[in-house]
Amino acid sequence: MSDLPVVTPLPLRDERDLPLAGGEVRERCDAARNRRRILAAAEQLVAREGAAAVSMDRIAAAAGVGKGTLFRRFGDRAGLLRALLSDREAAFQEELIRGEPPLGPGAPPAERLLAFGPAYLRELQGYAELLAAVEASHDPAMRMRSAPYQVYRTHLTLLLRAAAPALDADYHADVLLASVSAGFMMHQRDDRGMELERLSAGWTQHAAALLGA
């Protein structure tokens, strides 16, 4: 994602942090390879032990890079976790824009709106803990200012305006997204024992009630 803070490079700690000779192309290739290695290592650690147990030290060790490399590239732990989420969220956004109906174009606005919640909850099931860790890393509104959230918010706002012009679409788009936030979903799933099917049905009922369906 593009909202990472600018940080001052840390002092070199070992030879893995040294710049490589061979020109700009070589550096770009090595940077891309390091990025893939770092994210793959982070993905494995999160899958095995959960996001809360993963530190920058452990990711650097697993990826075989210097810790300074992680901070220069991702800014901080939250920035690295956001990068880990970006590919997953980009794939879902592609479904919204160019996927099959009713989630994608080709279905009436009301049908597309009702399809959003269950589809997003299915996606969220696989990375709710990771997203919750990102949301908890900074201020509570950080997620609402992120690029993926703005995509979802714009999508729902446009659908609400088309399907129910009398509604305050700006307000209700945020409300609908709040009910599929990672923390709220994990509370309902883990603390309240609600299955994914129940969460999806409840979201659909709420959205349908807004539309007067």
C-alpha atoms as a PDB file:
ATOM      1  CA  MET A   1       0.000   0.000   0.000  1.00  0.00           C
ATOM      2  CA  SER A   2       1.138   3.570  -0.559  1.00  0.00           C
ATOM      3  CA  ASP A   3       0.532   5.178   2.831  1.00  0.00           C
ATOM      4  CA  LEU A   4       3.686   3.938   4.549  1.00  0.00           C
ATOM      5  CA  PRO A   5       5.594   6.498   6.618  1.00  0.00           C
ATOM      6  CA  VAL A   6       8.970   7.777   5.446  1.00  0.00           C
ATOM      7  CA  VAL A   7      11.661   6.573   7.800  1.00  0.00           C
ATOM      8  CA  THR A   8      15.356   7.308   8.206  1.00  0.00           C
ATOM      9  CA  PRO A   9      17.470   4.289   7.201  1.00  0.00           C
ATOM     10  CA  LEU A  10      18.886   2.456  10.200  1.00  0.00           C
ATOM     11  CA  PRO A  11      22.645   1.905  10.568  1.00  0.00           C
ATOM     12  CA  LEU A  12      24.024  -1.158   8.795  1.00  0.00           C
ATOM     13  CA  ARG A  13      24.082  -4.128  11.144  1.00  0.00           C
ATOM     14  CA  ASP A  14      25.589  -6.848   8.962  1.00  0.00           C
ATOM     15  CA  GLU A  15      26.597  -7.622   5.385  1.00  0.00           C
ATOM     16  CA  ARG A  16      23.021  -8.356   4.371  1.00  0.00           C
ATOM     17  CA  ASP A  17      22.254  -4.644   4.701  1.00  0.00           C
ATOM     18  CA  LEU A  18      25.101  -3.540   2.422  1.00  0.00           C
ATOM     19  CA  PRO A  19      24.196  -2.048  -0.982  1.00  0.00           C
ATOM     20  CA  LEU A  20      24.992  -4.378  -3.873  1.00  0.00           C
ATOM     21  CA  ALA A  21      27.099  -3.495  -6.865  1.00  0.00           C
ATOM     22  CA  GLY A  22      25.809  -4.025 -10.369  1.00  0.00           C
ATOM     23  CA  GLY A  23      23.704  -0.983 -11.101  1.00  0.00           C
ATOM     24  CA  GLU A  24      20.124   0.131 -10.642  1.00  0.00           C
ATOM     25  CA  VAL A  25      18.533  -2.818 -12.475  1.00  0.00           C
ATOM     26  CA  ARG A  26      20.300  -5.312 -10.232  1.00  0.00           C
ATOM     27  CA  GLU A  27      19.184  -3.371  -7.146  1.00  0.00           C
ATOM     28  CA  ARG A  28      15.576  -3.335  -8.338  1.00  0.00           C
ATOM     29  CA  CYS A  29      15.627  -7.074  -9.019  1.00  0.00           C
ATOM     30  CA  ASP A  30      17.158  -7.810  -5.633  1.00  0.00           C
ATOM     31  CA  ALA A  31      14.674  -5.494  -3.912  1.00  0.00           C
ATOM     32  CA  ALA A  32      11.735  -7.256  -5.544  1.00  0.00           C
ATOM     33  CA  ARG A  33      13.150 -10.663  -4.628  1.00  0.00           C
ATOM     34  CA  ASN A  34      13.725  -9.566  -1.033  1.00  0.00           C
ATOM     35  CA  ARG A  35      10.189  -8.218  -0.825  1.00  0.00           C
ATOM     36  CA  ARG A  36       8.729 -11.527  -1.981  1.00  0.00           C
ATOM     37  CA  ARG A  37      10.930 -13.428   0.458  1.00  0.00           C
ATOM     38  CA  ILE A  38       9.966 -11.180   3.375  1.00  0.00           C
ATOM     39  CA  LEU A  39       6.234 -11.383   2.672  1.00  0.00           C
ATOM     40  CA  ALA A  40       6.396 -15.156   2.190  1.00  0.00           C
ATOM     41  CA  ALA A  41       8.185 -15.535   5.530  1.00  0.00           C
ATOM     42  CA  ALA A  42       5.651 -13.268   7.243  1.00  0.00           C
ATOM     43  CA  GLU A  43       2.763 -15.184   5.683  1.00  0.00           C
ATOM     44  CA  GLN A  44       4.098 -18.485   6.993  1.00  0.00           C
ATOM     45  CA  LEU A  45       4.687 -17.111  10.492  1.00  0.00           C
ATOM     46  CA  VAL A  46       1.209 -15.577  10.674  1.00  0.00           C
ATOM     47  CA  ALA A  47      -0.408 -18.797   9.440  1.00  0.00           C
ATOM     48  CA  ARG A  48       1.522 -20.890  11.943  1.00  0.00           C
ATOM     49  CA  GLU A  49       1.463 -18.700  15.051  1.00  0.00           C
ATOM     50  CA  GLY A  50      -0.981 -15.846  14.498  1.00  0.00           C
ATOM     51  CA  ALA A  51      -0.319 -12.190  13.759  1.00  0.00           C
ATOM     52  CA  ALA A  52       0.047 -11.202  17.417  1.00  0.00           C
ATOM     53  CA  ALA A  53       3.061 -13.503  17.846  1.00  0.00           C
ATOM     54  CA  VAL A  54       4.979 -12.168  14.850  1.00  0.00           C
ATOM     55  CA  SER A  55       7.718  -9.576  15.361  1.00  0.00           C
ATOM     56  CA  MET A  56      10.033  -7.773  12.935  1.00  0.00           C
ATOM     57  CA  ASP A  57      12.986  -9.693  14.430  1.00  0.00           C
ATOM     58  CA  ARG A  58      11.412 -13.048  13.683  1.00  0.00           C
ATOM     59  CA  ILE A  59      10.349 -12.076  10.166  1.00  0.00           C
ATOM     60  CA  ALA A  60      13.840 -10.802   9.348  1.00  0.00           C
ATOM     61  CA  ALA A  61      15.392 -14.026  10.637  1.00  0.00           C
ATOM     62  CA  ALA A  62      12.929 -16.209   8.723  1.00  0.00           C
ATOM     63  CA  ALA A  63      13.443 -14.224   5.512  1.00  0.00           C
ATOM     64  CA  GLY A  64      17.236 -14.173   5.838  1.00  0.00           C
ATOM     65  CA  VAL A  65      17.536 -10.379   5.630  1.00  0.00           C
ATOM     66  CA  GLY A  66      18.759  -7.705   8.004  1.00  0.00           C
ATOM     67  CA  LYS A  67      16.197  -6.134  10.307  1.00  0.00           C
ATOM     68  CA  GLY A  68      17.119  -2.713   8.928  1.00  0.00           C
ATOM     69  CA  THR A  69      15.940  -3.875   5.495  1.00  0.00           C
ATOM     70  CA  LEU A  70      12.442  -4.467   6.874  1.00  0.00           C
ATOM     71  CA  PHE A  71      12.226  -1.033   8.466  1.00  0.00           C
ATOM     72  CA  ARG A  72      13.504   0.743   5.363  1.00  0.00           C
ATOM     73  CA  ARG A  73      11.096  -1.071   3.074  1.00  0.00           C
ATOM     74  CA  PHE A  74       7.937  -1.243   5.224  1.00  0.00           C
ATOM     75  CA  GLY A  75       8.387   1.470   7.838  1.00  0.00           C
ATOM     76  CA  ASP A  76       7.219  -0.565  10.812  1.00  0.00           C
ATOM     77  CA  ARG A  77       5.434  -3.789  11.732  1.00  0.00           C
ATOM     78  CA  ALA A  78       2.021  -2.381  10.800  1.00  0.00           C
ATOM     79  CA  GLY A  79       3.352  -1.348   7.402  1.00  0.00           C
ATOM     80  CA  LEU A  80       4.631  -4.853   6.763  1.00  0.00           C
ATOM     81  CA  LEU A  81       1.307  -6.381   7.776  1.00  0.00           C
ATOM     82  CA  ARG A  82      -0.508  -3.937   5.482  1.00  0.00           C
ATOM     83  CA  ALA A  83       1.702  -5.030   2.590  1.00  0.00           C
ATOM     84  CA  LEU A  84       0.857  -8.650   3.396  1.00  0.00           C
ATOM     85  CA  LEU A  85      -2.828  -7.802   3.118  1.00  0.00           C
ATOM     86  CA  SER A  86      -2.571  -5.813  -0.090  1.00  0.00           C
ATOM     87  CA  ASP A  87      -2.495  -8.717  -2.563  1.00  0.00           C
ATOM     88  CA  ARG A  88      -5.503 -10.366  -0.930  1.00  0.00           C
ATOM     89  CA  GLU A  89      -7.538  -7.195  -0.938  1.00  0.00           C
ATOM     90  CA  ALA A  90      -6.516  -6.338  -4.491  1.00  0.00           C
ATOM     91  CA  ALA A  91      -7.930  -9.657  -5.719  1.00  0.00           C
ATOM     92  CA  PHE A  92     -11.275  -8.966  -4.028  1.00  0.00           C
ATOM     93  CA  GLN A  93     -11.401  -5.445  -5.451  1.00  0.00           C
ATOM     94  CA  GLU A  94     -10.860  -6.926  -8.904  1.00  0.00           C
ATOM     95  CA  GLU A  95     -13.957  -9.061  -8.363  1.00  0.00           C
ATOM     96  CA  LEU A  96     -15.977  -5.956  -7.499  1.00  0.00           C
ATOM     97  CA  ILE A  97     -14.845  -4.093 -10.594  1.00  0.00           C
ATOM     98  CA  ARG A  98     -14.592  -6.798 -13.237  1.00  0.00           C
ATOM     99  CA  GLY A  99     -15.931 -10.014 -11.689  1.00  0.00           C
ATOM    100  CA  GLU A 100     -19.057 -11.994 -12.380  1.00  0.00           C
ATOM    101  CA  PRO A 101     -22.477 -10.726 -11.242  1.00  0.00           C
ATOM    102  CA  PRO A 102     -24.050 -10.304  -8.806  1.00  0.00           C
ATOM    103  CA  LEU A 103     -20.856  -9.200  -7.023  1.00  0.00           C
ATOM    104  CA  GLY A 104     -19.408  -7.703 -10.194  1.00  0.00           C
ATOM    105  CA  PRO A 105     -21.043  -5.597 -12.907  1.00  0.00           C
ATOM    106  CA  GLY A 106     -24.144  -6.818 -14.729  1.00  0.00           C
ATOM    107  CA  ALA A 107     -26.603  -7.174 -11.853  1.00  0.00           C
ATOM    108  CA  PRO A 108     -29.024  -4.529 -10.506  1.00  0.00           C
ATOM    109  CA  PRO A 109     -27.535  -2.256  -7.787  1.00  0.00           C
ATOM    110  CA  ALA A 110     -29.621  -3.837  -5.015  1.00  0.00           C
ATOM    111  CA  GLU A 111     -28.433  -7.344  -5.913  1.00  0.00           C
ATOM    112  CA  ARG A 112     -24.816  -6.220  -6.041  1.00  0.00           C
ATOM    113  CA  LEU A 113     -25.167  -4.555  -2.655  1.00  0.00           C
ATOM    114  CA  LEU A 114     -26.657  -7.675  -1.073  1.00  0.00           C
ATOM    115  CA  ALA A 115     -23.871  -9.789  -2.588  1.00  0.00           C
ATOM    116  CA  PHE A 116     -21.089  -7.655  -1.116  1.00  0.00           C
ATOM    117  CA  GLY A 117     -21.389  -8.599   2.573  1.00  0.00           C
ATOM    118  CA  PRO A 118     -21.343 -12.415   2.239  1.00  0.00           C
ATOM    119  CA  ALA A 119     -18.538 -12.266  -0.341  1.00  0.00           C
ATOM    120  CA  TYR A 120     -16.411  -9.971   1.811  1.00  0.00           C
ATOM    121  CA  LEU A 121     -17.010 -12.053   4.921  1.00  0.00           C
ATOM    122  CA  ARG A 122     -15.791 -15.156   3.072  1.00  0.00           C
ATOM    123  CA  GLU A 123     -12.610 -13.308   2.175  1.00  0.00           C
ATOM    124  CA  LEU A 124     -12.217 -11.898   5.679  1.00  0.00           C
ATOM    125  CA  GLN A 125     -12.505 -15.367   7.190  1.00  0.00           C
ATOM    126  CA  GLY A 126      -9.009 -16.102   5.918  1.00  0.00           C
ATOM    127  CA  TYR A 127      -7.245 -12.987   7.217  1.00  0.00           C
ATOM    128  CA  ALA A 128      -9.400 -11.426   9.941  1.00  0.00           C
ATOM    129  CA  GLU A 129      -6.702 -11.807  12.605  1.00  0.00           C
ATOM    130  CA  LEU A 130      -4.109 -10.204  10.361  1.00  0.00           C
ATOM    131  CA  LEU A 131      -6.372  -7.272   9.529  1.00  0.00           C
ATOM    132  CA  ALA A 132      -7.328  -6.868  13.202  1.00  0.00           C
ATOM    133  CA  ALA A 133      -3.621  -6.647  14.071  1.00  0.00           C
ATOM    134  CA  VAL A 134      -3.176  -3.889  11.496  1.00  0.00           C
ATOM    135  CA  GLU A 135      -6.236  -2.039  12.775  1.00  0.00           C
ATOM    136  CA  ALA A 136      -4.929  -2.208  16.346  1.00  0.00           C
ATOM    137  CA  SER A 137      -1.437  -0.986  15.464  1.00  0.00           C
ATOM    138  CA  HIS A 138      -2.282   2.718  15.225  1.00  0.00           C
ATOM    139  CA  ASP A 139      -5.277   4.956  15.799  1.00  0.00           C
ATOM    140  CA  PRO A 140      -8.750   3.401  15.495  1.00  0.00           C
ATOM    141  CA  ALA A 141      -9.598   5.325  12.321  1.00  0.00           C
ATOM    142  CA  MET A 142      -6.529   4.165  10.383  1.00  0.00           C
ATOM    143  CA  ARG A 143      -8.433   1.461   8.530  1.00  0.00           C
ATOM    144  CA  MET A 144     -11.127   3.941   7.446  1.00  0.00           C
ATOM    145  CA  ARG A 145      -8.454   6.110   5.841  1.00  0.00           C
ATOM    146  CA  SER A 146      -6.822   3.235   3.971  1.00  0.00           C
ATOM    147  CA  ALA A 147      -7.088   2.786   0.213  1.00  0.00           C
ATOM    148  CA  PRO A 148      -8.964  -0.567   0.351  1.00  0.00           C
ATOM    149  CA  TYR A 149     -11.574   0.831   2.731  1.00  0.00           C
ATOM    150  CA  GLN A 150     -12.127   3.819   0.464  1.00  0.00           C
ATOM    151  CA  VAL A 151     -12.682   1.478  -2.490  1.00  0.00           C
ATOM    152  CA  TYR A 152     -15.302  -0.501  -0.549  1.00  0.00           C
ATOM    153  CA  ARG A 153     -16.931   2.643   0.781  1.00  0.00           C
ATOM    154  CA  THR A 154     -17.212   4.217  -2.667  1.00  0.00           C
ATOM    155  CA  HIS A 155     -18.595   0.983  -4.079  1.00  0.00           C
ATOM    156  CA  LEU A 156     -21.323   0.704  -1.427  1.00  0.00           C
ATOM    157  CA  THR A 157     -22.157   4.404  -1.566  1.00  0.00           C
ATOM    158  CA  LEU A 158     -22.777   4.273  -5.315  1.00  0.00           C
ATOM    159  CA  LEU A 159     -24.906   1.144  -5.008  1.00  0.00           C
ATOM    160  CA  LEU A 160     -26.964   2.633  -2.169  1.00  0.00           C
ATOM    161  CA  ARG A 161     -27.575   5.840  -4.104  1.00  0.00           C
ATOM    162  CA  ALA A 162     -28.770   3.863  -7.122  1.00  0.00           C
ATOM    163  CA  ALA A 163     -30.862   1.310  -5.207  1.00  0.00           C
ATOM    164  CA  ALA A 164     -32.374   3.589  -2.527  1.00  0.00           C
ATOM    165  CA  PRO A 165     -32.048   7.307  -3.398  1.00  0.00           C
ATOM    166  CA  ALA A 166     -33.882   8.404  -0.232  1.00  0.00           C
ATOM    167  CA  LEU A 167     -31.188   6.958   2.059  1.00  0.00           C
ATOM    168  CA  ASP A 168     -28.182   8.838   3.382  1.00  0.00           C
ATOM    169  CA  ALA A 169     -25.786   6.688   1.340  1.00  0.00           C
ATOM    170  CA  ASP A 170     -22.611   8.226   2.788  1.00  0.00           C
ATOM    171  CA  TYR A 171     -23.670   7.361   6.329  1.00  0.00           C
ATOM    172  CA  HIS A 172     -25.030   3.880   5.668  1.00  0.00           C
ATOM    173  CA  ALA A 173     -22.020   2.799   3.610  1.00  0.00           C
ATOM    174  CA  ASP A 174     -19.828   3.301   6.693  1.00  0.00           C
ATOM    175  CA  VAL A 175     -22.356   1.506   8.909  1.00  0.00           C
ATOM    176  CA  LEU A 176     -22.458  -1.516   6.615  1.00  0.00           C
ATOM    177  CA  LEU A 177     -18.661  -1.672   6.537  1.00  0.00           C
ATOM    178  CA  ALA A 178     -18.442  -1.335  10.323  1.00  0.00           C
ATOM    179  CA  SER A 179     -20.451  -4.550  10.621  1.00  0.00           C
ATOM    180  CA  VAL A 180     -17.799  -6.438   8.633  1.00  0.00           C
ATOM    181  CA  SER A 181     -14.736  -4.965  10.353  1.00  0.00           C
ATOM    182  CA  ALA A 182     -12.157  -7.544  11.388  1.00  0.00           C
ATOM    183  CA  GLY A 183     -12.559  -6.951  15.129  1.00  0.00           C
ATOM    184  CA  PHE A 184     -16.345  -7.099  14.996  1.00  0.00           C
ATOM    185  CA  MET A 185     -16.317 -10.209  12.835  1.00  0.00           C
ATOM    186  CA  MET A 186     -13.871 -11.977  15.174  1.00  0.00           C
ATOM    187  CA  HIS A 187     -15.994 -11.038  18.204  1.00  0.00           C
ATOM    188  CA  GLN A 188     -19.108 -12.512  16.634  1.00  0.00           C
ATOM    189  CA  ARG A 189     -17.291 -15.583  15.339  1.00  0.00           C
ATOM    190  CA  ASP A 190     -14.941 -16.362  18.225  1.00  0.00           C
ATOM    191  CA  ASP A 191     -16.658 -14.886  21.292  1.00  0.00           C
ATOM    192  CA  ARG A 192     -20.286 -15.307  20.278  1.00  0.00           C
ATOM    193  CA  GLY A 193     -19.868 -18.582  18.387  1.00  0.00           C
ATOM    194  CA  MET A 194     -21.596 -17.389  15.215  1.00  0.00           C
ATOM    195  CA  GLU A 195     -20.871 -19.363  12.059  1.00  0.00           C
ATOM    196  CA  LEU A 196     -19.992 -17.668   8.786  1.00  0.00           C
ATOM    197  CA  GLU A 197     -23.401 -18.555   7.337  1.00  0.00           C
ATOM    198  CA  ARG A 198     -25.148 -16.756  10.199  1.00  0.00           C
ATOM    199  CA  LEU A 199     -22.944 -13.682   9.845  1.00  0.00           C
ATOM    200  CA  SER A 200     -23.620 -13.548   6.107  1.00  0.00           C
ATOM    201  CA  ALA A 201     -27.366 -13.971   6.580  1.00  0.00           C
ATOM    202  CA  GLY A 202     -27.453 -11.266   9.240  1.00  0.00           C
ATOM    203  CA  TRP A 203     -25.573  -8.788   7.042  1.00  0.00           C
ATOM    204  CA  THR A 204     -27.877  -9.526   4.128  1.00  0.00           C
ATOM    205  CA  GLN A 205     -30.973  -9.009   6.309  1.00  0.00           C
ATOM    206  CA  HIS A 206     -29.648  -5.677   7.557  1.00  0.00           C
ATOM    207  CA  ALA A 207     -28.800  -4.452   4.046  1.00  0.00           C
ATOM    208  CA  ALA A 208     -32.161  -5.637   2.695  1.00  0.00           C
ATOM    209  CA  ALA A 209     -33.981  -3.780   5.462  1.00  0.00           C
ATOM    210  CA  LEU A 210     -32.155  -0.586   4.494  1.00  0.00           C
ATOM    211  CA  LEU A 211     -33.321  -1.030   0.924  1.00  0.00           C
ATOM    212  CA  GLY A 212     -36.897  -1.791   2.021  1.00  0.00           C
ATOM    213  CA  ALA A 213     -36.683  -5.204   0.407  1.00  0.00           C
END
